[in-house]
Amino acid sequence: MTQAEAQEAVSSNTCRYLTKGRDYVAPVGFTAMEDLRFGAQGIDEWVQLDGGNAYVLNSYFWATIDEDGSTQLHIRFDTLLCE
């Protein structure tokens, strides 16, 4: 769901925010695709733990974590509960 869609859903009382601005750091993968898969799994787990069924991706970036140039995916998202 996009931020605009989330705002519309909240305004129409179809959804409500459970958690706003959660920061998640995905485990390091061997490839960018693996980073994305780990990030998606992490979001799914947090949404479930929060008791929600939807999320809004606010931002993401890869941070360099060592002198070899290895990176780690950082994600910020909101969890929602929608009807």
Protein backbone atom coordinates (compact mmCIF):
# COMPACT_ATOMS: atom_id res chain seq x y z
CA MET A 1 0.00 0.00 0.00
CA THR A 2 1.31 3.47 -0.81
CA GLN A 3 1.35 6.29 1.72
CA ALA A 4 -1.48 8.05 -0.13
CA GLU A 5 -3.58 4.87 -0.11
CA ALA A 6 -2.89 4.38 3.58
CA GLN A 7 -3.93 7.95 4.40
CA GLU A 8 -7.14 7.48 2.42
CA ALA A 9 -7.88 4.17 4.17
CA VAL A 10 -7.24 5.69 7.60
CA SER A 11 -9.38 8.73 6.76
CA SER A 12 -12.26 6.49 5.69
CA ASN A 13 -11.84 4.32 8.84
CA THR A 14 -11.01 1.26 6.73
CA CYS A 15 -7.56 0.95 8.33
CA ARG A 16 -5.77 2.15 11.43
CA TYR A 17 -2.09 2.48 12.17
CA LEU A 18 -0.69 0.04 14.71
CA THR A 19 2.97 1.07 14.49
CA LYS A 20 4.47 4.06 12.70
CA GLY A 21 8.10 4.48 11.70
CA ARG A 22 9.43 1.02 12.53
CA ASP A 23 13.11 0.66 11.59
CA TYR A 24 14.19 -2.80 10.47
CA VAL A 25 17.72 -3.86 9.56
CA ALA A 26 17.67 -6.99 7.41
CA PRO A 27 20.27 -9.72 7.83
CA VAL A 28 23.15 -9.44 5.39
CA GLY A 29 22.70 -11.53 2.25
CA PHE A 30 25.26 -12.53 -0.35
CA THR A 31 23.42 -10.57 -3.06
CA ALA A 32 21.10 -7.57 -3.23
CA MET A 33 18.25 -9.93 -4.16
CA GLU A 34 18.89 -11.93 -1.00
CA ASP A 35 18.90 -8.68 1.02
CA LEU A 36 15.48 -7.85 -0.44
CA ARG A 37 14.12 -11.31 0.37
CA PHE A 38 15.37 -11.03 3.96
CA GLY A 39 13.86 -7.55 4.20
CA ALA A 40 10.47 -8.76 2.95
CA GLN A 41 10.51 -11.66 5.40
CA GLY A 42 11.32 -9.27 8.24
CA ILE A 43 8.49 -6.92 7.32
CA ASP A 44 6.05 -9.86 7.13
CA GLU A 45 7.15 -11.07 10.57
CA TRP A 46 6.78 -7.62 12.16
CA VAL A 47 3.36 -7.04 10.61
CA GLN A 48 2.22 -10.38 12.00
CA LEU A 49 3.72 -9.68 15.45
CA ASP A 50 2.02 -6.26 15.51
CA GLY A 51 -1.31 -7.94 14.75
CA GLY A 52 -1.68 -6.15 11.43
CA ASN A 53 -2.39 -7.18 7.88
CA ALA A 54 -0.91 -4.34 5.82
CA TYR A 55 2.13 -2.08 5.75
CA VAL A 56 3.41 1.10 4.13
CA LEU A 57 7.04 1.21 3.01
CA ASN A 58 8.35 4.66 3.95
CA SER A 59 12.01 4.38 2.98
CA TYR A 60 14.92 2.03 2.48
CA PHE A 61 18.65 2.22 1.89
CA TRP A 62 21.73 0.05 1.83
CA ALA A 63 24.41 1.03 4.36
CA THR A 64 28.05 0.04 3.93
CA ILE A 65 29.01 -2.03 6.96
CA ASP A 66 32.69 -2.87 6.45
CA GLU A 67 35.82 -1.84 4.58
CA ASP A 68 35.19 -4.54 1.94
CA GLY A 69 32.08 -2.69 0.79
CA SER A 70 29.52 -5.15 2.18
CA THR A 71 26.09 -3.60 2.57
CA GLN A 72 23.04 -4.13 4.74
CA LEU A 73 19.44 -3.17 3.93
CA HIS A 74 17.70 -0.73 6.28
CA ILE A 75 13.91 -0.36 6.00
CA ARG A 76 11.41 2.04 7.60
CA PHE A 77 7.73 1.10 7.47
CA ASP A 78 4.34 1.50 9.17
CA THR A 79 2.06 -1.39 10.19
CA LEU A 80 -1.69 -1.14 9.69
CA LEU A 81 -4.77 -3.17 10.50
CA CYS A 82 -7.36 -3.00 7.72
CA GLU A 83 -10.86 -4.40 7.48
